[in-house]
Each structure stands twice: as structure tokens, then as C-alpha cells.
């Protein structure tokens, strides 16, 4: 494992300024990881604010999008959990709450009662359609200063961070 040390710089980074950090980061990897975490936290918070008037959390929104993409065949609980952007410890409880709200429906298999398929309901689809516009507008407002080439570079860099070495 390569550890990169950092030469103390006389100019602080933007993240250091945002966090009021007076000492330089220990390594460039630390600074990069903290920048990724800070950016994700800000996007998560702002996305949650967009969704708040609709009464849906980012995780619930993620489930609705997953189920919309799955179509009429739906998905089992484990598959929904595996596809979440941010894993949650109790997918069953999450789906229970969403079913109580009328956004999803769960159906037991006739041939194997242990197998339960989760599908998005009409009410969940309507909610998701109502959110589509505000979410697209938020993302455009937040990222429109970056061109396609820069956005592709961000995607590629984030994929590189997630890929196992």
C-alpha cells in the first residue's frame, strides 16, 4: 500500500477553509477522501431539502426509483437493498413504512410463500413523477457550471475511487 506524504503548503485548500482547518492534511489521500465525503454530504443535504415538501426521504426516493426501473415484475427485498445508493441496516422496516404510505406493494409468490416481490404502486409512481422535475432542476442548477467533459471526468474518477484495488 502506497502512502503519500504531503509537503506542507503555505496556501490552505478550499476544504480547509470551509472546515476552518488550520493544519494541513496528513496525506493527499486524506484530503481527497474528505473532499469526496464533504461533497456527498452537501449534495445529500440539499437533495433532502428538495424532497422534504413531498414528504419523502432520499432513501425512500431511491427505493421508488429502483422499483420504477424494475417495472411490473418488481424485486425481492434483498435485491432492493443491494441496489440502494446508501445501504440501510433494515430494508424490511424501510419497505414496511413505504407500504404503509401506499407507495409500494408486496406480493407473496403462490408457489413459494417465502418469496415476496416488491412493486411500486400508482401512488408511488405519481409521487416519483412529481419529484422528477424538481430533482432534475436541482441537479442542473448544482452542476450546470460543469461541461459534459468535466462531468464524465467526475463520473470516471468516482468509479475509480469505488473500484477495488
C-alpha atoms as a PDB file:
ATOM      1  CA  UNK A   1       0.000   0.000   0.000  1.00  0.00           C
ATOM      2  CA  UNK A   2       1.445   3.303  -1.061  1.00  0.00           C
ATOM      3  CA  UNK A   3       1.266   6.129   1.475  1.00  0.00           C
ATOM      4  CA  UNK A   4       1.740   9.556   0.038  1.00  0.00           C
ATOM      5  CA  UNK A   5       3.048  12.223   2.354  1.00  0.00           C
ATOM      6  CA  UNK A   6       2.264  15.824   1.775  1.00  0.00           C
ATOM      7  CA  UNK A   7       4.635  18.730   1.672  1.00  0.00           C
ATOM      8  CA  UNK A   8       3.300  21.454   3.940  1.00  0.00           C
ATOM      9  CA  UNK A   9       1.810  24.123   1.752  1.00  0.00           C
ATOM     10  CA  UNK A  10       1.658  27.764   2.653  1.00  0.00           C
ATOM     11  CA  UNK A  11      -1.744  28.121   0.988  1.00  0.00           C
ATOM     12  CA  UNK A  12      -4.696  26.307   2.523  1.00  0.00           C
ATOM     13  CA  UNK A  13      -7.064  24.265   0.399  1.00  0.00           C
ATOM     14  CA  UNK A  14     -10.664  25.287  -0.127  1.00  0.00           C
ATOM     15  CA  UNK A  15     -11.820  22.400   2.075  1.00  0.00           C
ATOM     16  CA  UNK A  16      -9.526  23.570   4.860  1.00  0.00           C
ATOM     17  CA  UNK A  17     -11.155  27.000   4.612  1.00  0.00           C
ATOM     18  CA  UNK A  18     -14.691  25.540   4.595  1.00  0.00           C
ATOM     19  CA  UNK A  19     -13.990  23.402   7.666  1.00  0.00           C
ATOM     20  CA  UNK A  20     -11.840  26.058   9.345  1.00  0.00           C
ATOM     21  CA  UNK A  21      -8.998  23.548   9.445  1.00  0.00           C
ATOM     22  CA  UNK A  22      -5.731  25.314  10.232  1.00  0.00           C
ATOM     23  CA  UNK A  23      -3.356  22.375   9.890  1.00  0.00           C
ATOM     24  CA  UNK A  24      -2.621  20.768   6.515  1.00  0.00           C
ATOM     25  CA  UNK A  25      -3.988  17.302   5.795  1.00  0.00           C
ATOM     26  CA  UNK A  26      -1.710  14.397   6.617  1.00  0.00           C
ATOM     27  CA  UNK A  27      -1.799  12.980   3.089  1.00  0.00           C
ATOM     28  CA  UNK A  28      -3.202  13.820  -0.283  1.00  0.00           C
ATOM     29  CA  UNK A  29      -5.397  10.700   0.010  1.00  0.00           C
ATOM     30  CA  UNK A  30      -6.880  12.090   3.231  1.00  0.00           C
ATOM     31  CA  UNK A  31      -7.647  15.404   1.552  1.00  0.00           C
ATOM     32  CA  UNK A  32      -9.217  13.653  -1.440  1.00  0.00           C
ATOM     33  CA  UNK A  33     -11.352  11.374   0.752  1.00  0.00           C
ATOM     34  CA  UNK A  34     -12.525  14.296   2.874  1.00  0.00           C
ATOM     35  CA  UNK A  35     -13.391  16.296  -0.252  1.00  0.00           C
ATOM     36  CA  UNK A  36     -15.481  13.369  -1.535  1.00  0.00           C
ATOM     37  CA  UNK A  37     -17.222  12.978   1.849  1.00  0.00           C
ATOM     38  CA  UNK A  38     -17.887  16.728   2.163  1.00  0.00           C
ATOM     39  CA  UNK A  39     -19.295  16.932  -1.367  1.00  0.00           C
ATOM     40  CA  UNK A  40     -21.520  13.894  -0.802  1.00  0.00           C
ATOM     41  CA  UNK A  41     -22.790  15.350   2.487  1.00  0.00           C
ATOM     42  CA  UNK A  42     -23.657  18.673   0.866  1.00  0.00           C
ATOM     43  CA  UNK A  43     -25.430  17.008  -2.084  1.00  0.00           C
ATOM     44  CA  UNK A  44     -27.297  14.675   0.303  1.00  0.00           C
ATOM     45  CA  UNK A  45     -28.464  17.581   2.448  1.00  0.00           C
ATOM     46  CA  UNK A  46     -29.559  19.724  -0.483  1.00  0.00           C
ATOM     47  CA  UNK A  47     -31.323  16.786  -2.147  1.00  0.00           C
ATOM     48  CA  UNK A  48     -33.175  16.074   1.101  1.00  0.00           C
ATOM     49  CA  UNK A  49     -34.308  19.702   1.182  1.00  0.00           C
ATOM     50  CA  UNK A  50     -35.732  19.391  -2.340  1.00  0.00           C
ATOM     51  CA  UNK A  51     -37.640  16.245  -1.325  1.00  0.00           C
ATOM     52  CA  UNK A  52     -38.846  17.471   2.062  1.00  0.00           C
ATOM     53  CA  UNK A  53     -42.007  19.234   0.771  1.00  0.00           C
ATOM     54  CA  UNK A  54     -43.038  15.930  -0.836  1.00  0.00           C
ATOM     55  CA  UNK A  55     -42.685  14.027   2.433  1.00  0.00           C
ATOM     56  CA  UNK A  56     -40.095  11.604   1.071  1.00  0.00           C
ATOM     57  CA  UNK A  57     -36.542  10.907   2.202  1.00  0.00           C
ATOM     58  CA  UNK A  58     -33.619  10.364  -0.167  1.00  0.00           C
ATOM     59  CA  UNK A  59     -33.581   6.648   0.712  1.00  0.00           C
ATOM     60  CA  UNK A  60     -37.313   6.297   0.024  1.00  0.00           C
ATOM     61  CA  UNK A  61     -36.836   8.169  -3.249  1.00  0.00           C
ATOM     62  CA  UNK A  62     -34.026   5.766  -4.135  1.00  0.00           C
ATOM     63  CA  UNK A  63     -36.319   2.765  -3.470  1.00  0.00           C
ATOM     64  CA  UNK A  64     -39.067   4.278  -5.624  1.00  0.00           C
ATOM     65  CA  UNK A  65     -36.615   4.840  -8.494  1.00  0.00           C
ATOM     66  CA  UNK A  66     -35.299   1.286  -8.172  1.00  0.00           C
ATOM     67  CA  UNK A  67     -38.820  -0.126  -8.289  1.00  0.00           C
ATOM     68  CA  UNK A  68     -39.869   2.098 -11.179  1.00  0.00           C
ATOM     69  CA  UNK A  69     -36.879   0.752 -13.089  1.00  0.00           C
ATOM     70  CA  UNK A  70     -37.773  -2.829 -12.203  1.00  0.00           C
ATOM     71  CA  UNK A  71     -41.177  -2.477 -13.845  1.00  0.00           C
ATOM     72  CA  UNK A  72     -44.221  -4.628 -13.184  1.00  0.00           C
ATOM     73  CA  UNK A  73     -42.149  -7.661 -12.187  1.00  0.00           C
ATOM     74  CA  UNK A  74     -40.744  -5.824  -9.148  1.00  0.00           C
ATOM     75  CA  UNK A  75     -37.887  -7.017  -6.982  1.00  0.00           C
ATOM     76  CA  UNK A  76     -37.379  -9.005  -3.808  1.00  0.00           C
ATOM     77  CA  UNK A  77     -36.310  -7.220  -0.618  1.00  0.00           C
ATOM     78  CA  UNK A  78     -32.684  -8.349  -0.911  1.00  0.00           C
ATOM     79  CA  UNK A  79     -32.400  -7.054  -4.462  1.00  0.00           C
ATOM     80  CA  UNK A  80     -33.858  -3.674  -3.466  1.00  0.00           C
ATOM     81  CA  UNK A  81     -31.329  -3.484  -0.618  1.00  0.00           C
ATOM     82  CA  UNK A  82     -28.431  -4.418  -2.883  1.00  0.00           C
ATOM     83  CA  UNK A  83     -29.296  -1.633  -5.335  1.00  0.00           C
ATOM     84  CA  UNK A  84     -29.572   1.197  -2.800  1.00  0.00           C
ATOM     85  CA  UNK A  85     -27.095   4.053  -3.228  1.00  0.00           C
ATOM     86  CA  UNK A  86     -26.654   4.221   0.536  1.00  0.00           C
ATOM     87  CA  UNK A  87     -27.177   0.852   2.227  1.00  0.00           C
ATOM     88  CA  UNK A  88     -29.543   0.725   5.208  1.00  0.00           C
ATOM     89  CA  UNK A  89     -29.435  -1.798   8.047  1.00  0.00           C
ATOM     90  CA  UNK A  90     -33.109  -2.781   7.926  1.00  0.00           C
ATOM     91  CA  UNK A  91     -34.601  -2.872   4.427  1.00  0.00           C
ATOM     92  CA  UNK A  92     -37.692  -4.699   5.708  1.00  0.00           C
ATOM     93  CA  UNK A  93     -38.602  -1.854   8.067  1.00  0.00           C
ATOM     94  CA  UNK A  94     -37.980   0.711   5.302  1.00  0.00           C
ATOM     95  CA  UNK A  95     -40.314  -1.200   2.977  1.00  0.00           C
ATOM     96  CA  UNK A  96     -42.891  -1.583   5.788  1.00  0.00           C
ATOM     97  CA  UNK A  97     -43.066   2.211   6.193  1.00  0.00           C
ATOM     98  CA  UNK A  98     -43.282   2.750   2.448  1.00  0.00           C
ATOM     99  CA  UNK A  99     -46.078   0.181   2.168  1.00  0.00           C
ATOM    100  CA  UNK A 100     -47.976   1.940   4.983  1.00  0.00           C
ATOM    101  CA  UNK A 101     -47.706   5.164   2.968  1.00  0.00           C
ATOM    102  CA  UNK A 102     -49.156   3.408  -0.069  1.00  0.00           C
ATOM    103  CA  UNK A 103     -46.065   3.897  -2.227  1.00  0.00           C
ATOM    104  CA  UNK A 104     -45.198   0.221  -2.657  1.00  0.00           C
ATOM    105  CA  UNK A 105     -46.953  -3.129  -2.545  1.00  0.00           C
ATOM    106  CA  UNK A 106     -45.543  -6.517  -1.600  1.00  0.00           C
ATOM    107  CA  UNK A 107     -46.832  -9.736  -3.110  1.00  0.00           C
ATOM    108  CA  UNK A 108     -46.160 -13.280  -1.944  1.00  0.00           C
ATOM    109  CA  UNK A 109     -45.419 -15.911  -4.541  1.00  0.00           C
ATOM    110  CA  UNK A 110     -48.130 -18.536  -4.937  1.00  0.00           C
ATOM    111  CA  UNK A 111     -45.570 -21.297  -5.483  1.00  0.00           C
ATOM    112  CA  UNK A 112     -43.147 -20.277  -2.706  1.00  0.00           C
ATOM    113  CA  UNK A 113     -44.726 -18.272   0.123  1.00  0.00           C
ATOM    114  CA  UNK A 114     -41.259 -17.272   1.364  1.00  0.00           C
ATOM    115  CA  UNK A 115     -40.622 -15.242  -1.799  1.00  0.00           C
ATOM    116  CA  UNK A 116     -42.044 -11.705  -1.638  1.00  0.00           C
ATOM    117  CA  UNK A 117     -41.889  -9.309  -4.576  1.00  0.00           C
ATOM    118  CA  UNK A 118     -41.983  -5.547  -4.038  1.00  0.00           C
ATOM    119  CA  UNK A 119     -43.521  -3.270  -6.683  1.00  0.00           C
ATOM    120  CA  UNK A 120     -44.187   0.445  -6.917  1.00  0.00           C
ATOM    121  CA  UNK A 121     -47.860   1.419  -6.654  1.00  0.00           C
ATOM    122  CA  UNK A 122     -49.721   4.000  -8.713  1.00  0.00           C
ATOM    123  CA  UNK A 123     -49.458   6.392  -5.752  1.00  0.00           C
ATOM    124  CA  UNK A 124     -45.686   5.813  -5.590  1.00  0.00           C
ATOM    125  CA  UNK A 125     -45.384   6.363  -9.339  1.00  0.00           C
ATOM    126  CA  UNK A 126     -47.309   9.639  -9.116  1.00  0.00           C
ATOM    127  CA  UNK A 127     -45.070  10.838  -6.288  1.00  0.00           C
ATOM    128  CA  UNK A 128     -41.965   9.922  -8.247  1.00  0.00           C
ATOM    129  CA  UNK A 129     -43.253  11.723 -11.345  1.00  0.00           C
ATOM    130  CA  UNK A 130     -43.930  14.825  -9.211  1.00  0.00           C
ATOM    131  CA  UNK A 131     -40.342  14.673  -7.932  1.00  0.00           C
ATOM    132  CA  UNK A 132     -38.727  14.180 -11.351  1.00  0.00           C
ATOM    133  CA  UNK A 133     -38.907  17.858 -12.318  1.00  0.00           C
ATOM    134  CA  UNK A 134     -37.613  19.359  -9.052  1.00  0.00           C
ATOM    135  CA  UNK A 135     -34.776  16.830  -8.853  1.00  0.00           C
ATOM    136  CA  UNK A 136     -33.667  17.442 -12.451  1.00  0.00           C
ATOM    137  CA  UNK A 137     -33.872  21.214 -11.872  1.00  0.00           C
ATOM    138  CA  UNK A 138     -31.813  20.921  -8.676  1.00  0.00           C
ATOM    139  CA  UNK A 139     -29.126  18.819 -10.353  1.00  0.00           C
ATOM    140  CA  UNK A 140     -28.960  21.170 -13.333  1.00  0.00           C
ATOM    141  CA  UNK A 141     -28.680  24.187 -11.032  1.00  0.00           C
ATOM    142  CA  UNK A 142     -25.992  22.482  -8.931  1.00  0.00           C
ATOM    143  CA  UNK A 143     -23.936  21.059 -11.802  1.00  0.00           C
ATOM    144  CA  UNK A 144     -24.668  23.232 -14.859  1.00  0.00           C
ATOM    145  CA  UNK A 145     -21.387  25.107 -14.471  1.00  0.00           C
ATOM    146  CA  UNK A 146     -19.593  21.894 -15.468  1.00  0.00           C
ATOM    147  CA  UNK A 147     -19.491  20.780 -19.077  1.00  0.00           C
ATOM    148  CA  UNK A 148     -20.058  17.245 -20.336  1.00  0.00           C
ATOM    149  CA  UNK A 149     -16.336  16.506 -20.374  1.00  0.00           C
ATOM    150  CA  UNK A 150     -15.917  17.586 -16.753  1.00  0.00           C
ATOM    151  CA  UNK A 151     -18.981  15.605 -15.670  1.00  0.00           C
ATOM    152  CA  UNK A 152     -17.666  12.488 -17.429  1.00  0.00           C
ATOM    153  CA  UNK A 153     -14.332  13.019 -15.659  1.00  0.00           C
ATOM    154  CA  UNK A 154     -16.108  13.245 -12.283  1.00  0.00           C
ATOM    155  CA  UNK A 155     -18.013  10.037 -13.043  1.00  0.00           C
ATOM    156  CA  UNK A 156     -14.815   8.274 -14.073  1.00  0.00           C
ATOM    157  CA  UNK A 157     -12.907   9.488 -11.018  1.00  0.00           C
ATOM    158  CA  UNK A 158     -15.673   8.389  -8.631  1.00  0.00           C
ATOM    159  CA  UNK A 159     -15.806   4.981 -10.313  1.00  0.00           C
ATOM    160  CA  UNK A 160     -12.063   4.747  -9.753  1.00  0.00           C
ATOM    161  CA  UNK A 161     -12.482   5.553  -6.056  1.00  0.00           C
ATOM    162  CA  UNK A 162     -15.140   2.803  -5.697  1.00  0.00           C
ATOM    163  CA  UNK A 163     -13.303   0.137  -7.666  1.00  0.00           C
ATOM    164  CA  UNK A 164     -11.459  -2.415  -5.562  1.00  0.00           C
ATOM    165  CA  UNK A 165      -7.705  -2.416  -5.934  1.00  0.00           C
END
